[in-house]
Amino acid sequence: MKKQIHLCISICLLLLLLLLLLLMLLVLLFLLQQQQQHQQQQQQQQQQQQQQQQQQQHQQQQQQQQQQHQQKQEKHHHHHHHHQQQQQQQQQQQQQHQQHQ
């Protein structure tokens, strides 16, 4: 009779251990998945930043072209020159807005 009880207890203990192991495995898997997702998110953020930088570069090129254009026009029309300056200021504001994001 005593032997049977002992056997039951040991079996129960074994089962408990197995359950614990399973739980630990599950937790590990969960953590791994989360890490991978986090890494993916970081990569996406980096890509977005790169895209923004490219857009900014493009805008800067446009500004440079406008400046060259202004210098030519300055000799002819002084009034027109003023209008283009306003456009440039707007573009710079857009750039600053992008950098904040």
PDB file of N, CA and C in Angstrom:
ATOM      1  N   MET A   1       0.832  -1.195   0.000  1.00  0.00           N
ATOM      2  CA  MET A   1       0.000   0.000   0.000  1.00  0.00           C
ATOM      3  C   MET A   1       0.878   1.261   0.000  1.00  0.00           C
ATOM      4  N   LYS A   2       1.871   1.248   0.844  1.00  0.00           N
ATOM      5  CA  LYS A   2       2.761   2.404   0.915  1.00  0.00           C
ATOM      6  C   LYS A   2       3.490   2.597  -0.414  1.00  0.00           C
ATOM      7  N   LYS A   3       3.893   1.523  -1.009  1.00  0.00           N
ATOM      8  CA  LYS A   3       4.611   1.625  -2.291  1.00  0.00           C
ATOM      9  C   LYS A   3       3.743   2.324  -3.333  1.00  0.00           C
ATOM     10  N   GLN A   4       2.490   1.937  -3.395  1.00  0.00           N
ATOM     11  CA  GLN A   4       1.562   2.544  -4.382  1.00  0.00           C
ATOM     12  C   GLN A   4       1.464   4.049  -4.168  1.00  0.00           C
ATOM     13  N   ILE A   5       1.322   4.455  -2.930  1.00  0.00           N
ATOM     14  CA  ILE A   5       1.216   5.897  -2.638  1.00  0.00           C
ATOM     15  C   ILE A   5       2.487   6.593  -3.108  1.00  0.00           C
ATOM     16  N   HIS A   6       3.601   5.984  -2.791  1.00  0.00           N
ATOM     17  CA  HIS A   6       4.880   6.575  -3.185  1.00  0.00           C
ATOM     18  C   HIS A   6       4.946   6.732  -4.710  1.00  0.00           C
ATOM     19  N   LEU A   7       4.522   5.696  -5.395  1.00  0.00           N
ATOM     20  CA  LEU A   7       4.518   5.723  -6.858  1.00  0.00           C
ATOM     21  C   LEU A   7       3.632   6.863  -7.363  1.00  0.00           C
ATOM     22  N   CYS A   8       2.459   6.983  -6.819  1.00  0.00           N
ATOM     23  CA  CYS A   8       1.524   8.042  -7.226  1.00  0.00           C
ATOM     24  C   CYS A   8       2.172   9.409  -7.057  1.00  0.00           C
ATOM     25  N   ILE A   9       2.788   9.613  -5.925  1.00  0.00           N
ATOM     26  CA  ILE A   9       3.418  10.915  -5.652  1.00  0.00           C
ATOM     27  C   ILE A   9       4.518  11.196  -6.672  1.00  0.00           C
ATOM     28  N   SER A  10       5.338  10.198  -6.914  1.00  0.00           N
ATOM     29  CA  SER A  10       6.437  10.430  -7.860  1.00  0.00           C
ATOM     30  C   SER A  10       5.906  10.714  -9.261  1.00  0.00           C
ATOM     31  N   ILE A  11       4.848  10.021  -9.662  1.00  0.00           N
ATOM     32  CA  ILE A  11       4.255  10.273 -10.985  1.00  0.00           C
ATOM     33  C   ILE A  11       3.708  11.699 -11.044  1.00  0.00           C
ATOM     34  N   CYS A  12       3.022  12.098  -9.993  1.00  0.00           N
ATOM     35  CA  CYS A  12       2.481  13.457  -9.952  1.00  0.00           C
ATOM     36  C   CYS A  12       3.607  14.474 -10.071  1.00  0.00           C
ATOM     37  N   LEU A  13       4.669  14.252  -9.368  1.00  0.00           N
ATOM     38  CA  LEU A  13       5.817  15.170  -9.413  1.00  0.00           C
ATOM     39  C   LEU A  13       6.385  15.251 -10.827  1.00  0.00           C
ATOM     40  N   LEU A  14       6.527  14.099 -11.435  1.00  0.00           N
ATOM     41  CA  LEU A  14       7.048  14.069 -12.805  1.00  0.00           C
ATOM     42  C   LEU A  14       6.154  14.881 -13.738  1.00  0.00           C
ATOM     43  N   LEU A  15       4.865  14.661 -13.606  1.00  0.00           N
ATOM     44  CA  LEU A  15       3.912  15.395 -14.444  1.00  0.00           C
ATOM     45  C   LEU A  15       4.052  16.897 -14.230  1.00  0.00           C
ATOM     46  N   LEU A  16       4.165  17.291 -12.976  1.00  0.00           N
ATOM     47  CA  LEU A  16       4.328  18.715 -12.661  1.00  0.00           C
ATOM     48  C   LEU A  16       5.587  19.268 -13.329  1.00  0.00           C
ATOM     49  N   LEU A  17       6.654  18.515 -13.248  1.00  0.00           N
ATOM     50  CA  LEU A  17       7.903  18.954 -13.864  1.00  0.00           C
ATOM     51  C   LEU A  17       7.732  19.138 -15.369  1.00  0.00           C
ATOM     52  N   LEU A  18       7.083  18.167 -15.972  1.00  0.00           N
ATOM     53  CA  LEU A  18       6.845  18.257 -17.408  1.00  0.00           C
ATOM     54  C   LEU A  18       6.042  19.507 -17.747  1.00  0.00           C
ATOM     55  N   LEU A  19       5.016  19.754 -16.965  1.00  0.00           N
ATOM     56  CA  LEU A  19       4.196  20.947 -17.188  1.00  0.00           C
ATOM     57  C   LEU A  19       5.050  22.208 -17.083  1.00  0.00           C
ATOM     58  N   LEU A  20       5.867  22.248 -16.088  1.00  0.00           N
ATOM     59  CA  LEU A  20       6.746  23.415 -15.915  1.00  0.00           C
ATOM     60  C   LEU A  20       7.649  23.599 -17.132  1.00  0.00           C
ATOM     61  N   LEU A  21       8.216  22.518 -17.577  1.00  0.00           N
ATOM     62  CA  LEU A  21       9.087  22.596 -18.761  1.00  0.00           C
ATOM     63  C   LEU A  21       8.326  23.149 -19.963  1.00  0.00           C
ATOM     64  N   LEU A  22       7.138  22.621 -20.158  1.00  0.00           N
ATOM     65  CA  LEU A  22       6.318  23.093 -21.276  1.00  0.00           C
ATOM     66  C   LEU A  22       6.060  24.589 -21.156  1.00  0.00           C
ATOM     67  N   LEU A  23       5.706  25.000 -19.971  1.00  0.00           N
ATOM     68  CA  LEU A  23       5.444  26.429 -19.752  1.00  0.00           C
ATOM     69  C   LEU A  23       6.675  27.264 -20.103  1.00  0.00           C
ATOM     70  N   MET A  24       7.813  26.809 -19.632  1.00  0.00           N
ATOM     71  CA  MET A  24       9.044  27.556 -19.913  1.00  0.00           C
ATOM     72  C   MET A  24       9.308  27.645 -21.417  1.00  0.00           C
ATOM     73  N   LEU A  25       9.084  26.548 -22.085  1.00  0.00           N
ATOM     74  CA  LEU A  25       9.270  26.547 -23.545  1.00  0.00           C
ATOM     75  C   LEU A  25       8.337  27.561 -24.201  1.00  0.00           C
ATOM     76  N   LEU A  26       7.107  27.543 -23.786  1.00  0.00           N
ATOM     77  CA  LEU A  26       6.138  28.480 -24.353  1.00  0.00           C
ATOM     78  C   LEU A  26       6.588  29.919 -24.132  1.00  0.00           C
ATOM     79  N   VAL A  27       7.007  30.198 -22.916  1.00  0.00           N
ATOM     80  CA  VAL A  27       7.463  31.559 -22.607  1.00  0.00           C
ATOM     81  C   VAL A  27       8.643  31.940 -23.494  1.00  0.00           C
ATOM     82  N   LEU A  28       9.574  31.030 -23.643  1.00  0.00           N
ATOM     83  CA  LEU A  28      10.751  31.295 -24.486  1.00  0.00           C
ATOM     84  C   LEU A  28      10.325  31.598 -25.920  1.00  0.00           C
ATOM     85  N   LEU A  29       9.449  30.778 -26.438  1.00  0.00           N
ATOM     86  CA  LEU A  29       8.967  30.992 -27.805  1.00  0.00           C
ATOM     87  C   LEU A  29       8.323  32.359 -27.936  1.00  0.00           C
ATOM     88  N   PHE A  30       7.493  32.677 -26.971  1.00  0.00           N
ATOM     89  CA  PHE A  30       6.794  33.958 -26.993  1.00  0.00           C
ATOM     90  C   PHE A  30       7.793  35.115 -27.017  1.00  0.00           C
ATOM     91  N   LEU A  31       8.785  35.017 -26.153  1.00  0.00           N
ATOM     92  CA  LEU A  31       9.807  36.067 -26.084  1.00  0.00           C
ATOM     93  C   LEU A  31      10.547  36.191 -27.412  1.00  0.00           C
ATOM     94  N   LEU A  32      10.890  35.070 -27.976  1.00  0.00           N
ATOM     95  CA  LEU A  32      11.607  35.095 -29.263  1.00  0.00           C
ATOM     96  C   LEU A  32      10.767  35.794 -30.327  1.00  0.00           C
ATOM     97  N   GLN A  33       9.508  35.417 -30.394  1.00  0.00           N
ATOM     98  CA  GLN A  33       8.617  36.045 -31.382  1.00  0.00           C
ATOM     99  C   GLN A  33       8.578  37.553 -31.183  1.00  0.00           C
ATOM    100  N   GLN A  34       8.455  37.964 -29.936  1.00  0.00           N
ATOM    101  CA  GLN A  34       8.382  39.399 -29.668  1.00  0.00           C
ATOM    102  C   GLN A  34       9.656  40.096 -30.133  1.00  0.00           C
ATOM    103  N   GLN A  35      10.784  39.475 -29.857  1.00  0.00           N
ATOM    104  CA  GLN A  35      12.057  40.073 -30.285  1.00  0.00           C
ATOM    105  C   GLN A  35      12.090  40.243 -31.795  1.00  0.00           C
ATOM    106  N   GLN A  36      11.685  39.218 -32.500  1.00  0.00           N
ATOM    107  CA  GLN A  36      11.704  39.295 -33.970  1.00  0.00           C
ATOM    108  C   GLN A  36      10.806  40.427 -34.450  1.00  0.00           C
ATOM    109  N   GLN A  37       9.612  40.498 -33.885  1.00  0.00           N
ATOM    110  CA  GLN A  37       8.691  41.564 -34.281  1.00  0.00           C
ATOM    111  C   GLN A  37       9.323  42.921 -34.015  1.00  0.00           C
ATOM    112  N   HIS A  38       9.978  43.040 -32.877  1.00  0.00           N
ATOM    113  CA  HIS A  38      10.598  44.316 -32.512  1.00  0.00           C
ATOM    114  C   HIS A  38      11.672  44.685 -33.534  1.00  0.00           C
ATOM    115  N   GLN A  39      12.474  43.704 -33.906  1.00  0.00           N
ATOM    116  CA  GLN A  39      13.532  43.963 -34.897  1.00  0.00           C
ATOM    117  C   GLN A  39      12.917  44.421 -36.221  1.00  0.00           C
ATOM    118  N   GLN A  40      11.852  43.767 -36.627  1.00  0.00           N
ATOM    119  CA  GLN A  40      11.189  44.148 -37.880  1.00  0.00           C
ATOM    120  C   GLN A  40      10.706  45.595 -37.802  1.00  0.00           C
ATOM    121  N   GLN A  41      10.120  45.943 -36.670  1.00  0.00           N
ATOM    122  CA  GLN A  41       9.640  47.318 -36.504  1.00  0.00           C
ATOM    123  C   GLN A  41      10.791  48.300 -36.627  1.00  0.00           C
ATOM    124  N   GLN A  42      11.918  47.978 -35.996  1.00  0.00           N
ATOM    125  CA  GLN A  42      13.076  48.864 -36.080  1.00  0.00           C
ATOM    126  C   GLN A  42      13.507  49.041 -37.536  1.00  0.00           C
ATOM    127  N   GLN A  43      13.559  47.944 -38.263  1.00  0.00           N
ATOM    128  CA  GLN A  43      13.961  48.028 -39.671  1.00  0.00           C
ATOM    129  C   GLN A  43      13.002  48.921 -40.449  1.00  0.00           C
ATOM    130  N   GLN A  44      11.717  48.755 -40.211  1.00  0.00           N
ATOM    131  CA  GLN A  44      10.726  49.591 -40.901  1.00  0.00           C
ATOM    132  C   GLN A  44      10.958  51.057 -40.590  1.00  0.00           C
ATOM    133  N   GLN A  45      11.227  51.361 -39.317  1.00  0.00           N
ATOM    134  CA  GLN A  45      11.461  52.754 -38.938  1.00  0.00           C
ATOM    135  C   GLN A  45      12.669  53.304 -39.675  1.00  0.00           C
ATOM    136  N   GLN A  46      13.724  52.508 -39.742  1.00  0.00           N
ATOM    137  CA  GLN A  46      14.932  52.959 -40.443  1.00  0.00           C
ATOM    138  C   GLN A  46      14.614  53.247 -41.907  1.00  0.00           C
ATOM    139  N   GLN A  47      13.853  52.379 -42.537  1.00  0.00           N
ATOM    140  CA  GLN A  47      13.491  52.587 -43.936  1.00  0.00           C
ATOM    141  C   GLN A  47      12.723  53.887 -44.105  1.00  0.00           C
ATOM    142  N   GLN A  48      11.775  54.129 -43.196  1.00  0.00           N
ATOM    143  CA  GLN A  48      10.994  55.366 -43.274  1.00  0.00           C
ATOM    144  C   GLN A  48      11.914  56.578 -43.175  1.00  0.00           C
ATOM    145  N   GLN A  49      12.870  56.522 -42.247  1.00  0.00           N
ATOM    146  CA  GLN A  49      13.801  57.640 -42.095  1.00  0.00           C
ATOM    147  C   GLN A  49      14.578  57.868 -43.384  1.00  0.00           C
ATOM    148  N   GLN A  50      15.037  56.798 -43.988  1.00  0.00           N
ATOM    149  CA  GLN A  50      15.793  56.923 -45.237  1.00  0.00           C
ATOM    150  C   GLN A  50      14.931  57.575 -46.316  1.00  0.00           C
ATOM    151  N   GLN A  51      13.694  57.159 -46.415  1.00  0.00           N
ATOM    152  CA  GLN A  51      12.794  57.737 -47.419  1.00  0.00           C
ATOM    153  C   GLN A  51      12.643  59.236 -47.176  1.00  0.00           C
ATOM    154  N   GLN A  52      12.482  59.618 -45.920  1.00  0.00           N
ATOM    155  CA  GLN A  52      12.332  61.033 -45.607  1.00  0.00           C
ATOM    156  C   GLN A  52      13.577  61.810 -46.022  1.00  0.00           C
ATOM    157  N   GLN A  53      14.736  61.237 -45.750  1.00  0.00           N
ATOM    158  CA  GLN A  53      15.978  61.914 -46.129  1.00  0.00           C
ATOM    159  C   GLN A  53      16.038  62.108 -47.637  1.00  0.00           C
ATOM    160  N   GLN A  54      15.645  61.102 -48.371  1.00  0.00           N
ATOM    161  CA  GLN A  54      15.652  61.226 -49.835  1.00  0.00           C
ATOM    162  C   GLN A  54      14.726  62.348 -50.279  1.00  0.00           C
ATOM    163  N   GLN A  55      13.544  62.413 -49.668  1.00  0.00           N
ATOM    164  CA  GLN A  55      12.595  63.475 -50.013  1.00  0.00           C
ATOM    165  C   GLN A  55      13.219  64.838 -49.724  1.00  0.00           C
ATOM    166  N   GLN A  56      13.887  64.942 -48.596  1.00  0.00           N
ATOM    167  CA  GLN A  56      14.511  66.215 -48.236  1.00  0.00           C
ATOM    168  C   GLN A  56      15.570  66.596 -49.261  1.00  0.00           C
ATOM    169  N   GLN A  57      16.368  65.644 -49.653  1.00  0.00           N
ATOM    170  CA  GLN A  57      17.403  65.926 -50.648  1.00  0.00           C
ATOM    171  C   GLN A  57      16.763  66.435 -51.931  1.00  0.00           C
ATOM    172  N   HIS A  58      15.674  65.803 -52.313  1.00  0.00           N
ATOM    173  CA  HIS A  58      14.989  66.207 -53.529  1.00  0.00           C
ATOM    174  C   HIS A  58      14.508  67.658 -53.408  1.00  0.00           C
ATOM    175  N   GLN A  59      13.958  67.993 -52.285  1.00  0.00           N
ATOM    176  CA  GLN A  59      13.477  69.361 -52.073  1.00  0.00           C
ATOM    177  C   GLN A  59      14.632  70.360 -52.108  1.00  0.00           C
ATOM    178  N   GLN A  60      15.751  69.973 -51.532  1.00  0.00           N
ATOM    179  CA  GLN A  60      16.905  70.875 -51.544  1.00  0.00           C
ATOM    180  C   GLN A  60      17.359  71.141 -52.977  1.00  0.00           C
ATOM    181  N   GLN A  61      17.352  70.115 -53.780  1.00  0.00           N
ATOM    182  CA  GLN A  61      17.731  70.298 -55.189  1.00  0.00           C
ATOM    183  C   GLN A  61      16.779  71.284 -55.866  1.00  0.00           C
ATOM    184  N   GLN A  62      15.499  71.113 -55.595  1.00  0.00           N
ATOM    185  CA  GLN A  62      14.517  72.038 -56.176  1.00  0.00           C
ATOM    186  C   GLN A  62      14.824  73.464 -55.739  1.00  0.00           C
ATOM    187  N   GLN A  63      15.158  73.622 -54.484  1.00  0.00           N
ATOM    188  CA  GLN A  63      15.461  74.962 -53.974  1.00  0.00           C
ATOM    189  C   GLN A  63      16.664  75.563 -54.688  1.00  0.00           C
ATOM    190  N   GLN A  64      17.680  74.769 -54.870  1.00  0.00           N
ATOM    191  CA  GLN A  64      18.879  75.266 -55.550  1.00  0.00           C
ATOM    192  C   GLN A  64      18.533  75.728 -56.962  1.00  0.00           C
ATOM    193  N   GLN A  65      17.736  74.940 -57.650  1.00  0.00           N
ATOM    194  CA  GLN A  65      17.332  75.331 -59.005  1.00  0.00           C
ATOM    195  C   GLN A  65      16.584  76.659 -58.960  1.00  0.00           C
ATOM    196  N   GLN A  66      15.705  76.791 -58.000  1.00  0.00           N
ATOM    197  CA  GLN A  66      14.933  78.035 -57.878  1.00  0.00           C
ATOM    198  C   GLN A  66      15.865  79.219 -57.622  1.00  0.00           C
ATOM    199  N   GLN A  67      16.864  79.007 -56.792  1.00  0.00           N
ATOM    200  CA  GLN A  67      17.794  80.096 -56.493  1.00  0.00           C
ATOM    201  C   GLN A  67      18.514  80.543 -57.753  1.00  0.00           C
ATOM    202  N   GLN A  68      18.974  79.592 -58.524  1.00  0.00           N
ATOM    203  CA  GLN A  68      19.661  79.941 -59.780  1.00  0.00           C
ATOM    204  C   GLN A  68      18.717  80.729 -60.677  1.00  0.00           C
ATOM    205  N   HIS A  69      17.485  80.272 -60.715  1.00  0.00           N
ATOM    206  CA  HIS A  69      16.478  80.919 -61.531  1.00  0.00           C
ATOM    207  C   HIS A  69      16.254  82.357 -61.047  1.00  0.00           C
ATOM    208  N   GLN A  70      16.233  82.525 -59.760  1.00  0.00           N
ATOM    209  CA  GLN A  70      16.036  83.858 -59.168  1.00  0.00           C
ATOM    210  C   GLN A  70      17.152  84.807 -59.581  1.00  0.00           C
ATOM    211  N   GLN A  71      18.361  84.318 -59.501  1.00  0.00           N
ATOM    212  CA  GLN A  71      19.498  85.184 -59.822  1.00  0.00           C
ATOM    213  C   GLN A  71      19.390  85.698 -61.260  1.00  0.00           C
ATOM    214  N   LYS A  72      18.928  84.845 -62.157  1.00  0.00           N
ATOM    215  CA  LYS A  72      18.765  85.289 -63.547  1.00  0.00           C
ATOM    216  C   LYS A  72      17.663  86.343 -63.633  1.00  0.00           C
ATOM    217  N   GLN A  73      16.579  86.058 -62.945  1.00  0.00           N
ATOM    218  CA  GLN A  73      15.412  86.943 -63.058  1.00  0.00           C
ATOM    219  C   GLN A  73      15.613  88.260 -62.310  1.00  0.00           C
ATOM    220  N   GLU A  74      16.478  88.251 -61.360  1.00  0.00           N
ATOM    221  CA  GLU A  74      16.694  89.438 -60.527  1.00  0.00           C
ATOM    222  C   GLU A  74      17.036  90.658 -61.391  1.00  0.00           C
ATOM    223  N   LYS A  75      17.801  90.410 -62.414  1.00  0.00           N
ATOM    224  CA  LYS A  75      18.212  91.503 -63.295  1.00  0.00           C
ATOM    225  C   LYS A  75      17.003  92.098 -64.020  1.00  0.00           C
ATOM    226  N   HIS A  76      16.064  91.217 -64.370  1.00  0.00           N
ATOM    227  CA  HIS A  76      14.922  91.704 -65.152  1.00  0.00           C
ATOM    228  C   HIS A  76      13.820  92.281 -64.259  1.00  0.00           C
ATOM    229  N   HIS A  77      13.216  91.402 -63.429  1.00  0.00           N
ATOM    230  CA  HIS A  77      12.061  91.844 -62.641  1.00  0.00           C
ATOM    231  C   HIS A  77      12.359  91.742 -61.162  1.00  0.00           C
ATOM    232  N   HIS A  78      12.253  92.822 -60.508  1.00  0.00           N
ATOM    233  CA  HIS A  78      12.492  92.809 -59.080  1.00  0.00           C
ATOM    234  C   HIS A  78      11.251  92.290 -58.343  1.00  0.00           C
ATOM    235  N   HIS A  79      10.098  92.557 -58.879  1.00  0.00           N
ATOM    236  CA  HIS A  79       8.846  92.176 -58.237  1.00  0.00           C
ATOM    237  C   HIS A  79       8.682  90.651 -58.219  1.00  0.00           C
ATOM    238  N   HIS A  80       9.031  90.019 -59.303  1.00  0.00           N
ATOM    239  CA  HIS A  80       8.894  88.570 -59.442  1.00  0.00           C
ATOM    240  C   HIS A  80       9.777  87.855 -58.429  1.00  0.00           C
ATOM    241  N   HIS A  81      10.930  88.383 -58.239  1.00  0.00           N
ATOM    242  CA  HIS A  81      11.914  87.824 -57.319  1.00  0.00           C
ATOM    243  C   HIS A  81      11.310  87.680 -55.917  1.00  0.00           C
ATOM    244  N   HIS A  82      10.567  88.645 -55.489  1.00  0.00           N
ATOM    245  CA  HIS A  82       9.968  88.636 -54.160  1.00  0.00           C
ATOM    246  C   HIS A  82       9.000  87.453 -54.019  1.00  0.00           C
ATOM    247  N   HIS A  83       8.220  87.232 -55.030  1.00  0.00           N
ATOM    248  CA  HIS A  83       7.238  86.151 -55.018  1.00  0.00           C
ATOM    249  C   HIS A  83       7.932  84.797 -54.858  1.00  0.00           C
ATOM    250  N   GLN A  84       9.022  84.627 -55.534  1.00  0.00           N
ATOM    251  CA  GLN A  84       9.713  83.338 -55.449  1.00  0.00           C
ATOM    252  C   GLN A  84      10.341  83.120 -54.078  1.00  0.00           C
ATOM    253  N   GLN A  85      10.752  84.159 -53.446  1.00  0.00           N
ATOM    254  CA  GLN A  85      11.300  84.011 -52.103  1.00  0.00           C
ATOM    255  C   GLN A  85      10.256  83.412 -51.161  1.00  0.00           C
ATOM    256  N   GLN A  86       9.053  83.845 -51.292  1.00  0.00           N
ATOM    257  CA  GLN A  86       7.984  83.305 -50.455  1.00  0.00           C
ATOM    258  C   GLN A  86       7.842  81.795 -50.675  1.00  0.00           C
ATOM    259  N   GLN A  87       7.877  81.395 -51.918  1.00  0.00           N
ATOM    260  CA  GLN A  87       7.782  79.959 -52.213  1.00  0.00           C
ATOM    261  C   GLN A  87       8.891  79.192 -51.505  1.00  0.00           C
ATOM    262  N   GLN A  88      10.072  79.744 -51.531  1.00  0.00           N
ATOM    263  CA  GLN A  88      11.201  79.067 -50.908  1.00  0.00           C
ATOM    264  C   GLN A  88      10.998  78.911 -49.409  1.00  0.00           C
ATOM    265  N   GLN A  89      10.514  79.927 -48.775  1.00  0.00           N
ATOM    266  CA  GLN A  89      10.284  79.845 -47.341  1.00  0.00           C
ATOM    267  C   GLN A  89       9.284  78.736 -47.028  1.00  0.00           C
ATOM    268  N   GLN A  90       8.258  78.618 -47.839  1.00  0.00           N
ATOM    269  CA  GLN A  90       7.284  77.551 -47.622  1.00  0.00           C
ATOM    270  C   GLN A  90       7.961  76.184 -47.701  1.00  0.00           C
ATOM    271  N   GLN A  91       8.816  76.008 -48.668  1.00  0.00           N
ATOM    272  CA  GLN A  91       9.501  74.719 -48.804  1.00  0.00           C
ATOM    273  C   GLN A  91      10.359  74.415 -47.588  1.00  0.00           C
ATOM    274  N   GLN A  92      11.030  75.409 -47.081  1.00  0.00           N
ATOM    275  CA  GLN A  92      11.861  75.174 -45.903  1.00  0.00           C
ATOM    276  C   GLN A  92      11.005  74.764 -44.718  1.00  0.00           C
ATOM    277  N   GLN A  93       9.856  75.349 -44.578  1.00  0.00           N
ATOM    278  CA  GLN A  93       8.967  74.964 -43.490  1.00  0.00           C
ATOM    279  C   GLN A  93       8.545  73.506 -43.636  1.00  0.00           C
ATOM    280  N   GLN A  94       8.264  73.088 -44.841  1.00  0.00           N
ATOM    281  CA  GLN A  94       7.911  71.683 -45.078  1.00  0.00           C
ATOM    282  C   GLN A  94       9.045  70.771 -44.627  1.00  0.00           C
ATOM    283  N   GLN A  95      10.243  71.144 -44.953  1.00  0.00           N
ATOM    284  CA  GLN A  95      11.388  70.322 -44.573  1.00  0.00           C
ATOM    285  C   GLN A  95      11.488  70.178 -43.063  1.00  0.00           C
ATOM    286  N   GLN A  96      11.351  71.262 -42.367  1.00  0.00           N
ATOM    287  CA  GLN A  96      11.433  71.200 -40.918  1.00  0.00           C
ATOM    288  C   GLN A  96      10.359  70.287 -40.372  1.00  0.00           C
ATOM    289  N   HIS A  97       9.190  70.335 -40.955  1.00  0.00           N
ATOM    290  CA  HIS A  97       8.084  69.493 -40.510  1.00  0.00           C
ATOM    291  C   HIS A  97       8.441  68.015 -40.689  1.00  0.00           C
ATOM    292  N   GLN A  98       9.051  67.686 -41.781  1.00  0.00           N
ATOM    293  CA  GLN A  98       9.442  66.286 -42.022  1.00  0.00           C
ATOM    294  C   GLN A  98      10.468  65.812 -41.000  1.00  0.00           C
ATOM    295  N   GLN A  99      11.387  66.673 -40.652  1.00  0.00           N
ATOM    296  CA  GLN A  99      12.418  66.262 -39.709  1.00  0.00           C
ATOM    297  C   GLN A  99      11.823  65.963 -38.337  1.00  0.00           C
ATOM    298  N   HIS A 100      10.758  66.629 -37.980  1.00  0.00           N
ATOM    299  CA  HIS A 100      10.136  66.357 -36.688  1.00  0.00           C
ATOM    300  C   HIS A 100       9.515  64.978 -36.657  1.00  0.00           C
ATOM    301  N   GLN A 101       8.974  64.531 -37.757  1.00  0.00           N
ATOM    302  CA  GLN A 101       8.399  63.181 -37.789  1.00  0.00           C
ATOM    303  C   GLN A 101       9.508  62.176 -37.681  1.00  0.00           C
TER     304      GLN A 101
END
